[in-house]
Amino acid sequence: MQEFTTYAGLTIGPIYETMRHSKKTREQWFGSYFFSWFMEYIMKELSQKLGDEIFFLTPHLMDRPNISYGGKYPDRFVLQGKKSVENMYAEMDTICSKTRQFFSRFIFDIPDGKINVDINSIDQFLASFLQIRFFA
């Protein structure tokens, strides 16, 4: 049985830059919720893909629906894994791209496709705006 030998983590942002532009409470709420939701999506995807090959040290991954309508995940996680650092990075990078594409599709679909921006432009904006950092 392989041991948990790798410690790795991920952090996202720019939270301060996003929040400082908000002028209304709902804008601050959504800015905070977006990062929490993004992190939750990444963690669930990693958990589904890697299963018992990883263990989240912080935060605890809850397997219940979020009915509080508030963010419950911080802007980072730390995990232990059974894969090498390089393999963990590759898995996280793939899942971060998949998550970004999910949110690009979500944003594109909000106005029923009636905006004058294609989904690739949204994805490119998110790719340049989001700061996702891997650490081991």
N, C-alpha and C. Protein backbone atom coordinates (compact mmCIF):
# COMPACT_ATOMS: atom_id res chain seq x y z
N MET A 1 0.83 -1.18 0.00
CA MET A 1 0.00 0.00 0.00
C MET A 1 0.88 1.25 0.00
N GLN A 2 0.63 2.14 -0.94
CA GLN A 2 1.44 3.34 -1.07
C GLN A 2 1.07 4.36 0.00
N GLU A 3 2.07 5.03 0.54
CA GLU A 3 1.89 6.02 1.59
C GLU A 3 1.58 7.40 1.00
N PHE A 4 0.98 8.25 1.82
CA PHE A 4 0.82 9.66 1.47
C PHE A 4 2.17 10.34 1.68
N THR A 5 2.86 10.65 0.60
CA THR A 5 4.22 11.19 0.73
C THR A 5 4.35 12.62 0.22
N THR A 6 3.40 13.09 -0.54
CA THR A 6 3.49 14.40 -1.14
C THR A 6 2.56 15.37 -0.43
N TYR A 7 3.08 16.54 -0.13
CA TYR A 7 2.24 17.62 0.37
C TYR A 7 2.15 18.65 -0.75
N ALA A 8 0.96 19.09 -1.05
CA ALA A 8 0.78 20.06 -2.12
C ALA A 8 -0.39 20.96 -1.77
N GLY A 9 -0.45 22.06 -2.46
CA GLY A 9 -1.55 22.98 -2.23
C GLY A 9 -1.78 23.88 -3.41
N LEU A 10 -2.83 24.67 -3.28
CA LEU A 10 -3.22 25.55 -4.35
C LEU A 10 -3.85 26.79 -3.72
N THR A 11 -3.58 27.93 -4.30
CA THR A 11 -4.21 29.17 -3.84
C THR A 11 -4.69 29.94 -5.06
N ILE A 12 -5.80 30.67 -4.88
CA ILE A 12 -6.38 31.43 -5.99
C ILE A 12 -6.52 32.89 -5.60
N GLY A 13 -6.63 33.73 -6.59
CA GLY A 13 -6.81 35.16 -6.37
C GLY A 13 -7.09 35.80 -7.71
N PRO A 14 -7.10 37.08 -7.79
CA PRO A 14 -6.71 38.11 -6.83
C PRO A 14 -7.92 38.58 -6.02
N ILE A 15 -8.03 38.14 -4.83
CA ILE A 15 -9.19 38.46 -4.01
C ILE A 15 -9.24 39.95 -3.67
N TYR A 16 -8.13 40.50 -3.21
CA TYR A 16 -8.14 41.93 -2.84
C TYR A 16 -8.48 42.80 -4.04
N GLU A 17 -7.84 42.53 -5.17
CA GLU A 17 -8.10 43.33 -6.37
C GLU A 17 -9.55 43.23 -6.81
N THR A 18 -10.14 42.07 -6.65
CA THR A 18 -11.54 41.90 -7.02
C THR A 18 -12.45 42.65 -6.06
N MET A 19 -12.20 42.50 -4.77
CA MET A 19 -13.08 43.08 -3.76
C MET A 19 -12.97 44.61 -3.70
N ARG A 20 -11.82 45.15 -3.99
CA ARG A 20 -11.67 46.60 -3.85
C ARG A 20 -12.46 47.38 -4.90
N HIS A 21 -12.85 46.73 -5.97
CA HIS A 21 -13.63 47.39 -7.00
C HIS A 21 -15.14 47.32 -6.73
N SER A 22 -15.54 46.54 -5.76
CA SER A 22 -16.97 46.41 -5.49
C SER A 22 -17.47 47.64 -4.76
N LYS A 23 -18.64 48.10 -5.19
CA LYS A 23 -19.23 49.29 -4.60
C LYS A 23 -20.51 48.96 -3.83
N LYS A 24 -21.05 47.79 -4.07
CA LYS A 24 -22.30 47.39 -3.44
C LYS A 24 -22.09 46.10 -2.67
N THR A 25 -22.94 45.87 -1.69
CA THR A 25 -22.84 44.66 -0.87
C THR A 25 -22.95 43.42 -1.73
N ARG A 26 -23.85 43.42 -2.68
CA ARG A 26 -24.03 42.23 -3.52
C ARG A 26 -22.79 41.94 -4.36
N GLU A 27 -22.07 42.99 -4.75
CA GLU A 27 -20.83 42.79 -5.50
C GLU A 27 -19.76 42.16 -4.63
N GLN A 28 -19.67 42.61 -3.38
CA GLN A 28 -18.71 42.00 -2.45
C GLN A 28 -19.10 40.55 -2.17
N TRP A 29 -20.40 40.32 -1.98
CA TRP A 29 -20.86 38.95 -1.72
C TRP A 29 -20.48 38.05 -2.88
N PHE A 30 -20.78 38.47 -4.12
CA PHE A 30 -20.50 37.60 -5.24
C PHE A 30 -19.00 37.42 -5.46
N GLY A 31 -18.21 38.47 -5.27
CA GLY A 31 -16.76 38.33 -5.40
C GLY A 31 -16.22 37.26 -4.46
N SER A 32 -16.68 37.31 -3.20
CA SER A 32 -16.25 36.32 -2.22
C SER A 32 -16.79 34.93 -2.58
N TYR A 33 -18.07 34.87 -2.95
CA TYR A 33 -18.69 33.59 -3.26
C TYR A 33 -18.05 32.95 -4.48
N PHE A 34 -17.71 33.76 -5.48
CA PHE A 34 -17.10 33.22 -6.70
C PHE A 34 -15.83 32.44 -6.38
N PHE A 35 -14.93 33.04 -5.59
CA PHE A 35 -13.68 32.36 -5.26
C PHE A 35 -13.93 31.09 -4.44
N SER A 36 -14.88 31.16 -3.53
CA SER A 36 -15.22 29.98 -2.73
C SER A 36 -15.78 28.88 -3.62
N TRP A 37 -16.68 29.23 -4.51
CA TRP A 37 -17.31 28.28 -5.42
C TRP A 37 -16.25 27.69 -6.36
N PHE A 38 -15.35 28.51 -6.86
CA PHE A 38 -14.28 28.05 -7.74
C PHE A 38 -13.42 27.02 -7.02
N MET A 39 -13.06 27.33 -5.77
CA MET A 39 -12.23 26.40 -4.99
C MET A 39 -12.98 25.11 -4.70
N GLU A 40 -14.25 25.22 -4.35
CA GLU A 40 -15.05 24.02 -4.09
C GLU A 40 -15.08 23.12 -5.31
N TYR A 41 -15.27 23.71 -6.49
CA TYR A 41 -15.34 22.94 -7.73
C TYR A 41 -14.02 22.21 -7.97
N ILE A 42 -12.90 22.90 -7.79
CA ILE A 42 -11.59 22.27 -7.98
C ILE A 42 -11.41 21.10 -7.01
N MET A 43 -11.75 21.33 -5.73
CA MET A 43 -11.56 20.29 -4.72
C MET A 43 -12.42 19.07 -5.01
N LYS A 44 -13.66 19.29 -5.41
CA LYS A 44 -14.55 18.15 -5.71
C LYS A 44 -14.07 17.38 -6.93
N GLU A 45 -13.60 18.10 -7.95
CA GLU A 45 -13.08 17.43 -9.14
C GLU A 45 -11.83 16.61 -8.80
N LEU A 46 -10.94 17.18 -8.01
CA LEU A 46 -9.74 16.44 -7.60
C LEU A 46 -10.13 15.20 -6.80
N SER A 47 -11.07 15.37 -5.90
CA SER A 47 -11.50 14.25 -5.06
C SER A 47 -12.14 13.14 -5.90
N GLN A 48 -12.96 13.53 -6.88
CA GLN A 48 -13.59 12.52 -7.74
C GLN A 48 -12.57 11.82 -8.62
N LYS A 49 -11.62 12.58 -9.14
CA LYS A 49 -10.65 11.99 -10.06
C LYS A 49 -9.60 11.14 -9.34
N LEU A 50 -9.12 11.62 -8.19
CA LEU A 50 -8.01 10.94 -7.52
C LEU A 50 -8.44 10.08 -6.33
N GLY A 51 -9.66 10.26 -5.86
CA GLY A 51 -10.22 9.41 -4.80
C GLY A 51 -9.32 9.27 -3.60
N ASP A 52 -8.96 8.02 -3.29
CA ASP A 52 -8.17 7.76 -2.09
C ASP A 52 -6.67 8.01 -2.28
N GLU A 53 -6.30 8.58 -3.43
CA GLU A 53 -4.89 8.94 -3.65
C GLU A 53 -4.55 10.30 -3.04
N ILE A 54 -5.58 11.03 -2.58
CA ILE A 54 -5.34 12.32 -1.93
C ILE A 54 -6.16 12.41 -0.65
N PHE A 55 -5.71 13.30 0.22
CA PHE A 55 -6.42 13.58 1.46
C PHE A 55 -6.27 15.07 1.75
N PHE A 56 -7.40 15.79 1.81
CA PHE A 56 -7.35 17.22 2.08
C PHE A 56 -7.07 17.46 3.56
N LEU A 57 -5.98 18.16 3.83
CA LEU A 57 -5.65 18.52 5.21
C LEU A 57 -6.45 19.74 5.65
N THR A 58 -6.56 20.72 4.76
CA THR A 58 -7.37 21.91 5.02
C THR A 58 -7.81 22.51 3.70
N PRO A 59 -9.02 22.93 3.54
CA PRO A 59 -10.13 22.76 4.46
C PRO A 59 -10.75 21.38 4.29
N HIS A 60 -11.67 21.06 5.15
CA HIS A 60 -12.39 19.81 5.05
C HIS A 60 -13.35 19.89 3.87
N LEU A 61 -13.34 18.88 3.03
CA LEU A 61 -14.23 18.85 1.87
C LEU A 61 -15.57 18.30 2.30
N MET A 62 -16.58 19.15 2.32
CA MET A 62 -17.92 18.72 2.74
C MET A 62 -18.66 18.13 1.56
N ASP A 63 -19.31 17.02 1.79
CA ASP A 63 -20.05 16.36 0.74
C ASP A 63 -21.55 16.58 0.92
N ARG A 64 -21.91 17.83 1.17
CA ARG A 64 -23.31 18.20 1.29
C ARG A 64 -23.54 19.46 0.47
N PRO A 65 -24.78 19.65 0.03
CA PRO A 65 -25.05 20.86 -0.75
C PRO A 65 -24.91 22.11 0.13
N ASN A 66 -24.49 23.18 -0.49
CA ASN A 66 -24.34 24.45 0.22
C ASN A 66 -25.68 25.17 0.20
N ILE A 67 -26.42 25.10 1.28
CA ILE A 67 -27.72 25.76 1.35
C ILE A 67 -27.66 27.10 2.08
N SER A 68 -26.47 27.49 2.51
CA SER A 68 -26.33 28.74 3.25
C SER A 68 -26.21 29.95 2.32
N TYR A 69 -25.97 29.72 1.06
CA TYR A 69 -25.77 30.79 0.07
C TYR A 69 -24.60 31.69 0.44
N GLY A 70 -23.67 31.16 1.16
CA GLY A 70 -22.45 31.88 1.49
C GLY A 70 -21.27 31.00 1.15
N GLY A 71 -20.14 31.61 0.90
CA GLY A 71 -18.95 30.83 0.59
C GLY A 71 -18.47 30.06 1.81
N LYS A 72 -18.08 28.83 1.60
CA LYS A 72 -17.61 28.03 2.73
C LYS A 72 -16.19 27.51 2.53
N TYR A 73 -15.57 27.87 1.42
CA TYR A 73 -14.21 27.41 1.14
C TYR A 73 -13.26 28.60 1.08
N PRO A 74 -12.11 28.50 1.73
CA PRO A 74 -11.14 29.59 1.66
C PRO A 74 -10.45 29.61 0.30
N ASP A 75 -9.53 30.53 0.12
CA ASP A 75 -8.87 30.72 -1.16
C ASP A 75 -7.68 29.78 -1.37
N ARG A 76 -7.55 28.78 -0.52
CA ARG A 76 -6.44 27.83 -0.67
C ARG A 76 -6.82 26.49 -0.06
N PHE A 77 -6.07 25.47 -0.48
CA PHE A 77 -6.17 24.17 0.18
C PHE A 77 -4.79 23.54 0.25
N VAL A 78 -4.66 22.61 1.18
CA VAL A 78 -3.44 21.83 1.34
C VAL A 78 -3.86 20.37 1.39
N LEU A 79 -3.14 19.52 0.70
CA LEU A 79 -3.48 18.10 0.69
C LEU A 79 -2.24 17.23 0.78
N GLN A 80 -2.47 15.99 1.10
CA GLN A 80 -1.43 14.96 1.03
C GLN A 80 -1.81 14.05 -0.12
N GLY A 81 -0.79 13.59 -0.83
CA GLY A 81 -1.07 12.72 -1.96
C GLY A 81 -0.10 11.57 -2.06
N LYS A 82 -0.48 10.61 -2.87
CA LYS A 82 0.36 9.44 -3.11
C LYS A 82 1.15 9.56 -4.41
N LYS A 83 0.90 10.62 -5.17
CA LYS A 83 1.60 10.82 -6.44
C LYS A 83 2.81 11.73 -6.22
N SER A 84 3.67 11.79 -7.22
CA SER A 84 4.82 12.69 -7.15
C SER A 84 4.34 14.14 -7.26
N VAL A 85 5.21 15.06 -6.88
CA VAL A 85 4.88 16.48 -6.98
C VAL A 85 4.53 16.84 -8.42
N GLU A 86 5.29 16.34 -9.37
CA GLU A 86 5.05 16.65 -10.78
C GLU A 86 3.68 16.14 -11.23
N ASN A 87 3.34 14.92 -10.83
CA ASN A 87 2.04 14.36 -11.20
C ASN A 87 0.89 15.10 -10.52
N MET A 88 1.09 15.50 -9.26
CA MET A 88 0.06 16.27 -8.55
C MET A 88 -0.16 17.61 -9.26
N TYR A 89 0.94 18.26 -9.64
CA TYR A 89 0.82 19.54 -10.34
C TYR A 89 0.07 19.35 -11.66
N ALA A 90 0.38 18.32 -12.41
CA ALA A 90 -0.28 18.07 -13.69
C ALA A 90 -1.78 17.83 -13.49
N GLU A 91 -2.14 17.05 -12.46
CA GLU A 91 -3.55 16.80 -12.17
C GLU A 91 -4.27 18.10 -11.80
N MET A 92 -3.65 18.88 -10.92
CA MET A 92 -4.27 20.14 -10.49
C MET A 92 -4.40 21.12 -11.65
N ASP A 93 -3.38 21.18 -12.50
CA ASP A 93 -3.41 22.09 -13.64
C ASP A 93 -4.54 21.72 -14.59
N THR A 94 -4.70 20.44 -14.87
CA THR A 94 -5.77 19.97 -15.74
C THR A 94 -7.14 20.31 -15.15
N ILE A 95 -7.30 20.07 -13.87
CA ILE A 95 -8.59 20.32 -13.23
C ILE A 95 -8.87 21.82 -13.11
N CYS A 96 -7.84 22.63 -12.90
CA CYS A 96 -8.04 24.08 -12.86
C CYS A 96 -8.51 24.59 -14.23
N SER A 97 -7.95 24.06 -15.29
CA SER A 97 -8.39 24.43 -16.65
C SER A 97 -9.84 24.01 -16.88
N LYS A 98 -10.18 22.81 -16.45
CA LYS A 98 -11.55 22.31 -16.59
C LYS A 98 -12.51 23.19 -15.78
N THR A 99 -12.10 23.59 -14.60
CA THR A 99 -12.94 24.44 -13.75
C THR A 99 -13.13 25.81 -14.39
N ARG A 100 -12.06 26.38 -14.90
CA ARG A 100 -12.16 27.67 -15.58
C ARG A 100 -13.11 27.58 -16.77
N GLN A 101 -13.06 26.49 -17.52
CA GLN A 101 -13.95 26.32 -18.67
C GLN A 101 -15.40 26.16 -18.23
N PHE A 102 -15.63 25.49 -17.09
CA PHE A 102 -16.97 25.38 -16.53
C PHE A 102 -17.54 26.77 -16.24
N PHE A 103 -16.73 27.61 -15.58
CA PHE A 103 -17.20 28.95 -15.24
C PHE A 103 -17.34 29.83 -16.47
N SER A 104 -16.50 29.65 -17.47
CA SER A 104 -16.66 30.39 -18.73
C SER A 104 -17.99 30.06 -19.37
N ARG A 105 -18.32 28.79 -19.39
CA ARG A 105 -19.61 28.35 -19.95
C ARG A 105 -20.76 28.91 -19.12
N PHE A 106 -20.62 28.87 -17.82
CA PHE A 106 -21.66 29.38 -16.91
C PHE A 106 -21.91 30.87 -17.17
N ILE A 107 -20.83 31.64 -17.26
CA ILE A 107 -20.97 33.09 -17.52
C ILE A 107 -21.58 33.33 -18.89
N PHE A 108 -21.14 32.58 -19.88
CA PHE A 108 -21.66 32.74 -21.24
C PHE A 108 -23.16 32.45 -21.30
N ASP A 109 -23.61 31.46 -20.54
CA ASP A 109 -25.01 31.06 -20.59
C ASP A 109 -25.95 31.94 -19.77
N ILE A 110 -25.43 32.79 -18.91
CA ILE A 110 -26.30 33.63 -18.07
C ILE A 110 -27.29 34.45 -18.91
N PRO A 111 -26.84 35.22 -19.89
CA PRO A 111 -27.83 36.01 -20.66
C PRO A 111 -28.36 35.25 -21.88
N ASP A 112 -28.40 33.93 -21.80
CA ASP A 112 -28.89 33.09 -22.89
C ASP A 112 -28.14 33.32 -24.20
N GLY A 113 -26.84 33.58 -24.09
CA GLY A 113 -26.01 33.75 -25.28
C GLY A 113 -26.29 35.03 -26.05
N LYS A 114 -26.96 36.00 -25.42
CA LYS A 114 -27.32 37.24 -26.11
C LYS A 114 -26.27 38.32 -25.98
N ILE A 115 -25.13 37.99 -25.45
CA ILE A 115 -24.06 38.99 -25.38
C ILE A 115 -23.19 38.88 -26.62
N ASN A 116 -22.48 39.92 -26.90
CA ASN A 116 -21.66 39.97 -28.11
C ASN A 116 -20.24 39.49 -27.86
N VAL A 117 -20.08 38.53 -26.98
CA VAL A 117 -18.76 38.00 -26.66
C VAL A 117 -18.83 36.47 -26.79
N ASP A 118 -17.85 35.91 -27.45
CA ASP A 118 -17.85 34.45 -27.59
C ASP A 118 -17.23 33.81 -26.34
N ILE A 119 -17.51 32.56 -26.16
CA ILE A 119 -17.07 31.85 -24.95
C ILE A 119 -15.55 31.80 -24.84
N ASN A 120 -14.84 31.76 -25.96
CA ASN A 120 -13.37 31.75 -25.92
C ASN A 120 -12.82 33.05 -25.33
N SER A 121 -13.48 34.17 -25.62
CA SER A 121 -13.05 35.45 -25.05
C SER A 121 -13.25 35.46 -23.54
N ILE A 122 -14.34 34.89 -23.09
CA ILE A 122 -14.59 34.80 -21.64
C ILE A 122 -13.53 33.93 -20.99
N ASP A 123 -13.24 32.78 -21.61
CA ASP A 123 -12.24 31.87 -21.06
C ASP A 123 -10.85 32.52 -21.04
N GLN A 124 -10.51 33.25 -22.09
CA GLN A 124 -9.23 33.94 -22.13
C GLN A 124 -9.15 35.02 -21.05
N PHE A 125 -10.25 35.74 -20.83
CA PHE A 125 -10.26 36.75 -19.77
C PHE A 125 -10.04 36.09 -18.41
N LEU A 126 -10.79 35.01 -18.13
CA LEU A 126 -10.63 34.34 -16.84
C LEU A 126 -9.21 33.79 -16.68
N ALA A 127 -8.65 33.26 -17.76
CA ALA A 127 -7.29 32.72 -17.70
C ALA A 127 -6.28 33.82 -17.36
N SER A 128 -6.48 35.01 -17.90
CA SER A 128 -5.54 36.10 -17.62
C SER A 128 -5.83 36.77 -16.28
N PHE A 129 -7.07 36.75 -15.83
CA PHE A 129 -7.44 37.42 -14.59
C PHE A 129 -7.15 36.58 -13.35
N LEU A 130 -7.56 35.31 -13.38
CA LEU A 130 -7.38 34.46 -12.21
C LEU A 130 -5.90 34.15 -11.98
N GLN A 131 -5.51 34.21 -10.74
CA GLN A 131 -4.15 33.86 -10.36
C GLN A 131 -4.22 32.57 -9.55
N ILE A 132 -3.80 31.49 -10.17
CA ILE A 132 -3.84 30.19 -9.53
C ILE A 132 -2.40 29.74 -9.33
N ARG A 133 -2.05 29.52 -8.08
CA ARG A 133 -0.68 29.16 -7.73
C ARG A 133 -0.64 27.79 -7.06
N PHE A 134 0.26 26.98 -7.55
CA PHE A 134 0.50 25.65 -7.00
C PHE A 134 1.71 25.72 -6.09
N PHE A 135 1.67 25.02 -4.97
CA PHE A 135 2.85 24.95 -4.12
C PHE A 135 3.01 23.55 -3.57
N ALA A 136 4.23 23.16 -3.34
CA ALA A 136 4.53 21.83 -2.80
C ALA A 136 5.66 21.93 -1.79
